[in-house]
């Protein structure tokens, strides 16, 4: 089983009108990052997009419930060549 871990890049935080966004970078390196946007102006929704080598490889949307959004976003799983830590669950 492989697991990727992402940490927030606080210097990437942006506020544009009622949208808050921030990037999260893969701690294992490589050119892989997430952008999560929170839109407080449209009834509070979340949008997430995963990028590898400058290209979008998946996205997910969710309502006001952060946990439900996170479940849908992480269901994308690992992308091909995404750096991760492997664990034998054998």
PDB file of N, CA and C in Angstrom:
ATOM      1  N   UNK A   1       0.848  -1.161   0.000  1.00  0.00           N
ATOM      2  CA  UNK A   1       0.000   0.000   0.000  1.00  0.00           C
ATOM      3  C   UNK A   1       0.901   1.234   0.000  1.00  0.00           C
ATOM      4  N   UNK A   2       0.532   2.227  -0.787  1.00  0.00           N
ATOM      5  CA  UNK A   2       1.297   3.469  -0.846  1.00  0.00           C
ATOM      6  C   UNK A   2       0.503   4.620  -0.252  1.00  0.00           C
ATOM      7  N   UNK A   3       1.230   5.513   0.413  1.00  0.00           N
ATOM      8  CA  UNK A   3       0.613   6.676   1.035  1.00  0.00           C
ATOM      9  C   UNK A   3       1.414   7.919   0.685  1.00  0.00           C
ATOM     10  N   UNK A   4       0.731   8.945   0.184  1.00  0.00           N
ATOM     11  CA  UNK A   4       1.360  10.237  -0.062  1.00  0.00           C
ATOM     12  C   UNK A   4       0.946  11.194   1.050  1.00  0.00           C
ATOM     13  N   UNK A   5       1.844  12.080   1.402  1.00  0.00           N
ATOM     14  CA  UNK A   5       1.575  13.047   2.459  1.00  0.00           C
ATOM     15  C   UNK A   5       1.812  14.447   1.903  1.00  0.00           C
ATOM     16  N   UNK A   6       0.860  15.329   2.145  1.00  0.00           N
ATOM     17  CA  UNK A   6       0.948  16.697   1.639  1.00  0.00           C
ATOM     18  C   UNK A   6       0.937  17.679   2.798  1.00  0.00           C
ATOM     19  N   UNK A   7       1.778  18.719   2.692  1.00  0.00           N
ATOM     20  CA  UNK A   7       1.832  19.757   3.706  1.00  0.00           C
ATOM     21  C   UNK A   7       1.458  21.090   3.078  1.00  0.00           C
ATOM     22  N   UNK A   8       0.785  21.950   3.858  1.00  0.00           N
ATOM     23  CA  UNK A   8       0.368  23.243   3.313  1.00  0.00           C
ATOM     24  C   UNK A   8       1.562  24.145   3.028  1.00  0.00           C
ATOM     25  N   UNK A   9       1.437  24.904   1.967  1.00  0.00           N
ATOM     26  CA  UNK A   9       2.406  25.932   1.617  1.00  0.00           C
ATOM     27  C   UNK A   9       1.767  27.266   1.988  1.00  0.00           C
ATOM     28  N   UNK A  10       2.000  27.720   3.209  1.00  0.00           N
ATOM     29  CA  UNK A  10       1.306  28.892   3.731  1.00  0.00           C
ATOM     30  C   UNK A  10       1.554  30.144   2.893  1.00  0.00           C
ATOM     31  N   UNK A  11       2.739  30.239   2.279  1.00  0.00           N
ATOM     32  CA  UNK A  11       3.028  31.408   1.451  1.00  0.00           C
ATOM     33  C   UNK A  11       2.188  31.434   0.170  1.00  0.00           C
ATOM     34  N   UNK A  12       1.539  30.315  -0.175  1.00  0.00           N
ATOM     35  CA  UNK A  12       0.690  30.260  -1.371  1.00  0.00           C
ATOM     36  C   UNK A  12      -0.756  30.684  -1.086  1.00  0.00           C
ATOM     37  N   UNK A  13      -1.077  30.950   0.187  1.00  0.00           N
ATOM     38  CA  UNK A  13      -2.447  31.309   0.557  1.00  0.00           C
ATOM     39  C   UNK A  13      -2.896  32.549  -0.210  1.00  0.00           C
ATOM     40  N   UNK A  14      -4.103  32.470  -0.788  1.00  0.00           N
ATOM     41  CA  UNK A  14      -4.677  33.602  -1.519  1.00  0.00           C
ATOM     42  C   UNK A  14      -6.126  33.804  -1.102  1.00  0.00           C
ATOM     43  N   UNK A  15      -6.530  35.061  -1.104  1.00  0.00           N
ATOM     44  CA  UNK A  15      -7.929  35.416  -0.901  1.00  0.00           C
ATOM     45  C   UNK A  15      -8.317  36.304  -2.068  1.00  0.00           C
ATOM     46  N   UNK A  16      -9.236  35.818  -2.891  1.00  0.00           N
ATOM     47  CA  UNK A  16      -9.743  36.577  -4.023  1.00  0.00           C
ATOM     48  C   UNK A  16     -11.254  36.619  -3.898  1.00  0.00           C
ATOM     49  N   UNK A  17     -11.767  37.822  -3.635  1.00  0.00           N
ATOM     50  CA  UNK A  17     -13.177  38.018  -3.353  1.00  0.00           C
ATOM     51  C   UNK A  17     -13.563  37.106  -2.193  1.00  0.00           C
ATOM     52  N   UNK A  18     -14.415  36.117  -2.397  1.00  0.00           N
ATOM     53  CA  UNK A  18     -14.815  35.238  -1.296  1.00  0.00           C
ATOM     54  C   UNK A  18     -14.218  33.839  -1.425  1.00  0.00           C
ATOM     55  N   UNK A  19     -13.141  33.703  -2.222  1.00  0.00           N
ATOM     56  CA  UNK A  19     -12.493  32.407  -2.409  1.00  0.00           C
ATOM     57  C   UNK A  19     -11.129  32.403  -1.729  1.00  0.00           C
ATOM     58  N   UNK A  20     -10.937  31.391  -0.902  1.00  0.00           N
ATOM     59  CA  UNK A  20      -9.672  31.183  -0.220  1.00  0.00           C
ATOM     60  C   UNK A  20      -9.004  29.967  -0.873  1.00  0.00           C
ATOM     61  N   UNK A  21      -7.717  30.056  -1.182  1.00  0.00           N
ATOM     62  CA  UNK A  21      -7.046  28.898  -1.770  1.00  0.00           C
ATOM     63  C   UNK A  21      -5.630  28.768  -1.217  1.00  0.00           C
ATOM     64  N   UNK A  22      -5.121  27.526  -1.264  1.00  0.00           N
ATOM     65  CA  UNK A  22      -3.770  27.247  -0.814  1.00  0.00           C
ATOM     66  C   UNK A  22      -3.272  25.987  -1.509  1.00  0.00           C
ATOM     67  N   UNK A  23      -1.962  25.952  -1.751  1.00  0.00           N
ATOM     68  CA  UNK A  23      -1.323  24.768  -2.321  1.00  0.00           C
ATOM     69  C   UNK A  23      -0.784  23.892  -1.197  1.00  0.00           C
ATOM     70  N   UNK A  24      -0.721  22.610  -1.493  1.00  0.00           N
ATOM     71  CA  UNK A  24      -0.153  21.621  -0.578  1.00  0.00           C
ATOM     72  C   UNK A  24       0.854  20.810  -1.383  1.00  0.00           C
ATOM     73  N   UNK A  25       2.094  20.699  -0.890  1.00  0.00           N
ATOM     74  CA  UNK A  25       3.144  20.005  -1.626  1.00  0.00           C
ATOM     75  C   UNK A  25       3.427  18.627  -1.033  1.00  0.00           C
ATOM     76  N   UNK A  26       3.740  17.673  -1.909  1.00  0.00           N
ATOM     77  CA  UNK A  26       4.074  16.308  -1.513  1.00  0.00           C
ATOM     78  C   UNK A  26       5.394  16.326  -0.746  1.00  0.00           C
ATOM     79  N   UNK A  27       5.390  15.814   0.482  1.00  0.00           N
ATOM     80  CA  UNK A  27       6.600  15.835   1.310  1.00  0.00           C
ATOM     81  C   UNK A  27       7.672  14.879   0.784  1.00  0.00           C
ATOM     82  N   UNK A  28       7.298  13.949  -0.089  1.00  0.00           N
ATOM     83  CA  UNK A  28       8.269  13.006  -0.633  1.00  0.00           C
ATOM     84  C   UNK A  28       8.951  13.541  -1.883  1.00  0.00           C
ATOM     85  N   UNK A  29       8.631  14.774  -2.257  1.00  0.00           N
ATOM     86  CA  UNK A  29       9.300  15.421  -3.376  1.00  0.00           C
ATOM     87  C   UNK A  29       8.567  15.228  -4.689  1.00  0.00           C
ATOM     88  N   UNK A  30       9.261  15.571  -5.754  1.00  0.00           N
ATOM     89  CA  UNK A  30       8.665  15.502  -7.072  1.00  0.00           C
ATOM     90  C   UNK A  30       7.804  16.717  -7.342  1.00  0.00           C
ATOM     91  N   UNK A  31       7.337  16.832  -8.553  1.00  0.00           N
ATOM     92  CA  UNK A  31       6.494  17.964  -8.948  1.00  0.00           C
ATOM     93  C   UNK A  31       5.028  17.553  -8.836  1.00  0.00           C
ATOM     94  N   UNK A  32       4.572  17.373  -7.605  1.00  0.00           N
ATOM     95  CA  UNK A  32       3.204  16.952  -7.342  1.00  0.00           C
ATOM     96  C   UNK A  32       2.650  17.812  -6.218  1.00  0.00           C
ATOM     97  N   UNK A  33       1.515  18.441  -6.480  1.00  0.00           N
ATOM     98  CA  UNK A  33       0.916  19.310  -5.477  1.00  0.00           C
ATOM     99  C   UNK A  33      -0.594  19.354  -5.637  1.00  0.00           C
ATOM    100  N   UNK A  34      -1.245  19.823  -4.580  1.00  0.00           N
ATOM    101  CA  UNK A  34      -2.695  19.966  -4.555  1.00  0.00           C
ATOM    102  C   UNK A  34      -3.035  21.446  -4.422  1.00  0.00           C
ATOM    103  N   UNK A  35      -4.169  21.841  -4.995  1.00  0.00           N
ATOM    104  CA  UNK A  35      -4.706  23.178  -4.739  1.00  0.00           C
ATOM    105  C   UNK A  35      -6.128  22.974  -4.215  1.00  0.00           C
ATOM    106  N   UNK A  36      -6.379  23.508  -3.035  1.00  0.00           N
ATOM    107  CA  UNK A  36      -7.708  23.414  -2.444  1.00  0.00           C
ATOM    108  C   UNK A  36      -8.268  24.824  -2.317  1.00  0.00           C
ATOM    109  N   UNK A  37      -9.497  24.984  -2.811  1.00  0.00           N
ATOM    110  CA  UNK A  37     -10.179  26.276  -2.778  1.00  0.00           C
ATOM    111  C   UNK A  37     -11.453  26.138  -1.960  1.00  0.00           C
ATOM    112  N   UNK A  38     -11.673  27.105  -1.098  1.00  0.00           N
ATOM    113  CA  UNK A  38     -12.865  27.183  -0.261  1.00  0.00           C
ATOM    114  C   UNK A  38     -13.628  28.420  -0.704  1.00  0.00           C
ATOM    115  N   UNK A  39     -14.862  28.248  -1.148  1.00  0.00           N
ATOM    116  CA  UNK A  39     -15.657  29.355  -1.649  1.00  0.00           C
ATOM    117  C   UNK A  39     -16.751  29.695  -0.648  1.00  0.00           C
ATOM    118  N   UNK A  40     -16.527  30.736   0.113  1.00  0.00           N
ATOM    119  CA  UNK A  40     -17.499  31.149   1.133  1.00  0.00           C
ATOM    120  C   UNK A  40     -18.672  31.902   0.530  1.00  0.00           C
ATOM    121  N   UNK A  41     -18.567  32.320  -0.724  1.00  0.00           N
ATOM    122  CA  UNK A  41     -19.603  33.125  -1.337  1.00  0.00           C
ATOM    123  C   UNK A  41     -20.726  32.356  -1.992  1.00  0.00           C
ATOM    124  N   UNK A  42     -20.549  31.073  -2.220  1.00  0.00           N
ATOM    125  CA  UNK A  42     -21.590  30.314  -2.925  1.00  0.00           C
ATOM    126  C   UNK A  42     -22.250  29.264  -2.044  1.00  0.00           C
ATOM    127  N   UNK A  43     -22.324  29.544  -0.783  1.00  0.00           N
ATOM    128  CA  UNK A  43     -22.948  28.588   0.122  1.00  0.00           C
ATOM    129  C   UNK A  43     -21.931  27.678   0.774  1.00  0.00           C
ATOM    130  N   UNK A  44     -20.685  28.058   0.735  1.00  0.00           N
ATOM    131  CA  UNK A  44     -19.578  27.335   1.355  1.00  0.00           C
ATOM    132  C   UNK A  44     -19.333  25.990   0.668  1.00  0.00           C
ATOM    133  N   UNK A  45     -18.467  25.991  -0.324  1.00  0.00           N
ATOM    134  CA  UNK A  45     -18.089  24.760  -1.010  1.00  0.00           C
ATOM    135  C   UNK A  45     -16.572  24.648  -1.122  1.00  0.00           C
ATOM    136  N   UNK A  46     -16.122  23.425  -1.343  1.00  0.00           N
ATOM    137  CA  UNK A  46     -14.710  23.133  -1.517  1.00  0.00           C
ATOM    138  C   UNK A  46     -14.467  22.589  -2.920  1.00  0.00           C
ATOM    139  N   UNK A  47     -13.287  22.889  -3.459  1.00  0.00           N
ATOM    140  CA  UNK A  47     -12.849  22.331  -4.742  1.00  0.00           C
ATOM    141  C   UNK A  47     -11.381  21.973  -4.581  1.00  0.00           C
ATOM    142  N   UNK A  48     -11.016  20.773  -5.001  1.00  0.00           N
ATOM    143  CA  UNK A  48      -9.631  20.345  -4.935  1.00  0.00           C
ATOM    144  C   UNK A  48      -9.164  19.850  -6.283  1.00  0.00           C
ATOM    145  N   UNK A  49      -7.893  20.131  -6.601  1.00  0.00           N
ATOM    146  CA  UNK A  49      -7.307  19.657  -7.852  1.00  0.00           C
ATOM    147  C   UNK A  49      -5.891  19.181  -7.573  1.00  0.00           C
ATOM    148  N   UNK A  50      -5.535  18.038  -8.171  1.00  0.00           N
ATOM    149  CA  UNK A  50      -4.199  17.454  -8.011  1.00  0.00           C
ATOM    150  C   UNK A  50      -3.422  17.654  -9.303  1.00  0.00           C
ATOM    151  N   UNK A  51      -2.164  18.078  -9.162  1.00  0.00           N
ATOM    152  CA  UNK A  51      -1.292  18.326 -10.303  1.00  0.00           C
ATOM    153  C   UNK A  51      -0.034  17.475 -10.213  1.00  0.00           C
ATOM    154  N   UNK A  52       0.393  16.963 -11.359  1.00  0.00           N
ATOM    155  CA  UNK A  52       1.671  16.252 -11.479  1.00  0.00           C
ATOM    156  C   UNK A  52       2.375  16.787 -12.711  1.00  0.00           C
ATOM    157  N   UNK A  53       3.613  17.221 -12.509  1.00  0.00           N
ATOM    158  CA  UNK A  53       4.423  17.749 -13.606  1.00  0.00           C
ATOM    159  C   UNK A  53       3.681  18.830 -14.392  1.00  0.00           C
ATOM    160  N   UNK A  54       2.981  19.697 -13.666  1.00  0.00           N
ATOM    161  CA  UNK A  54       2.292  20.822 -14.272  1.00  0.00           C
ATOM    162  C   UNK A  54       0.962  20.502 -14.928  1.00  0.00           C
ATOM    163  N   UNK A  55       0.504  19.244 -14.848  1.00  0.00           N
ATOM    164  CA  UNK A  55      -0.759  18.858 -15.476  1.00  0.00           C
ATOM    165  C   UNK A  55      -1.754  18.378 -14.424  1.00  0.00           C
ATOM    166  N   UNK A  56      -3.012  18.738 -14.632  1.00  0.00           N
ATOM    167  CA  UNK A  56      -4.065  18.289 -13.736  1.00  0.00           C
ATOM    168  C   UNK A  56      -4.292  16.789 -13.927  1.00  0.00           C
ATOM    169  N   UNK A  57      -4.317  16.038 -12.806  1.00  0.00           N
ATOM    170  CA  UNK A  57      -4.547  14.589 -12.879  1.00  0.00           C
ATOM    171  C   UNK A  57      -5.807  14.164 -12.141  1.00  0.00           C
ATOM    172  N   UNK A  58      -6.551  15.125 -11.588  1.00  0.00           N
ATOM    173  CA  UNK A  58      -7.802  14.786 -10.923  1.00  0.00           C
ATOM    174  C   UNK A  58      -8.337  15.943 -10.121  1.00  0.00           C
ATOM    175  N   UNK A  59      -9.658  15.923  -9.918  1.00  0.00           N
ATOM    176  CA  UNK A  59     -10.283  16.975  -9.114  1.00  0.00           C
ATOM    177  C   UNK A  59     -11.531  16.434  -8.439  1.00  0.00           C
ATOM    178  N   UNK A  60     -11.948  17.138  -7.394  1.00  0.00           N
ATOM    179  CA  UNK A  60     -13.150  16.760  -6.657  1.00  0.00           C
ATOM    180  C   UNK A  60     -13.789  18.019  -6.080  1.00  0.00           C
ATOM    181  N   UNK A  61     -15.098  17.961  -5.932  1.00  0.00           N
ATOM    182  CA  UNK A  61     -15.857  19.061  -5.346  1.00  0.00           C
ATOM    183  C   UNK A  61     -16.649  18.541  -4.159  1.00  0.00           C
ATOM    184  N   UNK A  62     -16.962  19.438  -3.232  1.00  0.00           N
ATOM    185  CA  UNK A  62     -17.761  19.052  -2.083  1.00  0.00           C
ATOM    186  C   UNK A  62     -18.537  20.231  -1.543  1.00  0.00           C
ATOM    187  N   UNK A  63     -19.520  19.943  -0.750  1.00  0.00           N
ATOM    188  CA  UNK A  63     -20.337  20.978  -0.141  1.00  0.00           C
ATOM    189  C   UNK A  63     -19.665  21.573   1.077  1.00  0.00           C
ATOM    190  N   UNK A  64     -20.453  21.918   2.058  1.00  0.00           N
ATOM    191  CA  UNK A  64     -19.947  22.593   3.247  1.00  0.00           C
ATOM    192  C   UNK A  64     -19.239  21.659   4.222  1.00  0.00           C
ATOM    193  N   UNK A  65     -19.340  20.371   4.024  1.00  0.00           N
ATOM    194  CA  UNK A  65     -18.757  19.395   4.954  1.00  0.00           C
ATOM    195  C   UNK A  65     -17.333  19.049   4.532  1.00  0.00           C
ATOM    196  N   UNK A  66     -16.339  19.565   5.283  1.00  0.00           N
ATOM    197  CA  UNK A  66     -14.937  19.330   4.962  1.00  0.00           C
ATOM    198  C   UNK A  66     -14.613  17.844   4.921  1.00  0.00           C
ATOM    199  N   UNK A  67     -15.102  17.067   5.874  1.00  0.00           N
ATOM    200  CA  UNK A  67     -14.784  15.641   5.919  1.00  0.00           C
ATOM    201  C   UNK A  67     -15.286  14.913   4.674  1.00  0.00           C
ATOM    202  N   UNK A  68     -16.484  15.219   4.224  1.00  0.00           N
ATOM    203  CA  UNK A  68     -17.027  14.568   3.038  1.00  0.00           C
ATOM    204  C   UNK A  68     -16.238  14.974   1.796  1.00  0.00           C
ATOM    205  N   UNK A  69     -15.893  16.252   1.694  1.00  0.00           N
ATOM    206  CA  UNK A  69     -15.055  16.700   0.580  1.00  0.00           C
ATOM    207  C   UNK A  69     -13.734  15.945   0.592  1.00  0.00           C
ATOM    208  N   UNK A  70     -13.103  15.842   1.754  1.00  0.00           N
ATOM    209  CA  UNK A  70     -11.804  15.192   1.864  1.00  0.00           C
ATOM    210  C   UNK A  70     -11.883  13.722   1.455  1.00  0.00           C
ATOM    211  N   UNK A  71     -12.955  13.045   1.824  1.00  0.00           N
ATOM    212  CA  UNK A  71     -13.147  11.645   1.419  1.00  0.00           C
ATOM    213  C   UNK A  71     -13.193  11.536  -0.099  1.00  0.00           C
ATOM    214  N   UNK A  72     -13.944  12.416  -0.750  1.00  0.00           N
ATOM    215  CA  UNK A  72     -14.042  12.376  -2.205  1.00  0.00           C
ATOM    216  C   UNK A  72     -12.713  12.745  -2.871  1.00  0.00           C
ATOM    217  N   UNK A  73     -12.018  13.717  -2.314  1.00  0.00           N
ATOM    218  CA  UNK A  73     -10.750  14.156  -2.910  1.00  0.00           C
ATOM    219  C   UNK A  73      -9.678  13.073  -2.786  1.00  0.00           C
ATOM    220  N   UNK A  74      -9.574  12.458  -1.631  1.00  0.00           N
ATOM    221  CA  UNK A  74      -8.548  11.430  -1.458  1.00  0.00           C
ATOM    222  C   UNK A  74      -8.907  10.126  -2.166  1.00  0.00           C
ATOM    223  N   UNK A  75     -10.178   9.965  -2.535  1.00  0.00           N
ATOM    224  CA  UNK A  75     -10.571   8.763  -3.285  1.00  0.00           C
ATOM    225  C   UNK A  75      -9.921   8.717  -4.658  1.00  0.00           C
ATOM    226  N   UNK A  76      -9.363   9.833  -5.107  1.00  0.00           N
ATOM    227  CA  UNK A  76      -8.629   9.841  -6.376  1.00  0.00           C
ATOM    228  C   UNK A  76      -7.456   8.863  -6.328  1.00  0.00           C
ATOM    229  N   UNK A  77      -6.927   8.641  -5.136  1.00  0.00           N
ATOM    230  CA  UNK A  77      -5.810   7.715  -4.985  1.00  0.00           C
ATOM    231  C   UNK A  77      -4.516   8.292  -5.521  1.00  0.00           C
ATOM    232  N   UNK A  78      -3.502   7.445  -5.583  1.00  0.00           N
ATOM    233  CA  UNK A  78      -2.194   7.866  -6.079  1.00  0.00           C
ATOM    234  C   UNK A  78      -2.206   7.921  -7.603  1.00  0.00           C
ATOM    235  N   UNK A  79      -1.559   8.925  -8.150  1.00  0.00           N
ATOM    236  CA  UNK A  79      -1.403   9.038  -9.599  1.00  0.00           C
ATOM    237  C   UNK A  79      -0.137   8.298 -10.014  1.00  0.00           C
ATOM    238  N   UNK A  80      -0.057   7.906 -11.272  1.00  0.00           N
ATOM    239  CA  UNK A  80       1.156   7.262 -11.780  1.00  0.00           C
ATOM    240  C   UNK A  80       2.357   8.156 -11.528  1.00  0.00           C
ATOM    241  N   UNK A  81       3.406   7.588 -10.971  1.00  0.00           N
ATOM    242  CA  UNK A  81       4.679   8.263 -10.679  1.00  0.00           C
ATOM    243  C   UNK A  81       4.612   9.228  -9.499  1.00  0.00           C
ATOM    244  N   UNK A  82       3.499   9.255  -8.762  1.00  0.00           N
ATOM    245  CA  UNK A  82       3.426  10.111  -7.583  1.00  0.00           C
ATOM    246  C   UNK A  82       4.319   9.520  -6.494  1.00  0.00           C
ATOM    247  N   UNK A  83       5.162  10.350  -5.919  1.00  0.00           N
ATOM    248  CA  UNK A  83       6.052   9.854  -4.870  1.00  0.00           C
ATOM    249  C   UNK A  83       5.259   9.572  -3.608  1.00  0.00           C
ATOM    250  N   UNK A  84       5.624   8.453  -2.967  1.00  0.00           N
ATOM    251  CA  UNK A  84       4.863   8.017  -1.798  1.00  0.00           C
ATOM    252  C   UNK A  84       5.727   7.112  -0.932  1.00  0.00           C
ATOM    253  N   UNK A  85       5.186   6.733   0.213  1.00  0.00           N
ATOM    254  CA  UNK A  85       5.818   5.771   1.098  1.00  0.00           C
ATOM    255  C   UNK A  85       5.053   4.467   0.970  1.00  0.00           C
ATOM    256  N   UNK A  86       5.786   3.370   0.810  1.00  0.00           N
ATOM    257  CA  UNK A  86       5.146   2.063   0.671  1.00  0.00           C
ATOM    258  C   UNK A  86       5.191   1.310   1.992  1.00  0.00           C
ATOM    259  N   UNK A  87       4.109   0.562   2.244  1.00  0.00           N
ATOM    260  CA  UNK A  87       4.015  -0.262   3.449  1.00  0.00           C
ATOM    261  C   UNK A  87       3.483  -1.635   3.025  1.00  0.00           C
ATOM    262  N   UNK A  88       4.123  -2.664   3.546  1.00  0.00           N
ATOM    263  CA  UNK A  88       3.681  -4.022   3.269  1.00  0.00           C
ATOM    264  C   UNK A  88       2.569  -4.369   4.244  1.00  0.00           C
ATOM    265  N   UNK A  89       1.356  -4.563   3.722  1.00  0.00           N
ATOM    266  CA  UNK A  89       0.231  -4.896   4.596  1.00  0.00           C
ATOM    267  C   UNK A  89      -0.083  -6.384   4.539  1.00  0.00           C
ATOM    268  N   UNK A  90       0.814  -7.132   3.908  1.00  0.00           N
ATOM    269  CA  UNK A  90       0.784  -8.517   3.638  1.00  0.00           C
ATOM    270  C   UNK A  90       0.120  -9.473   4.463  1.00  0.00           C
TER     271      UNK A  90
END
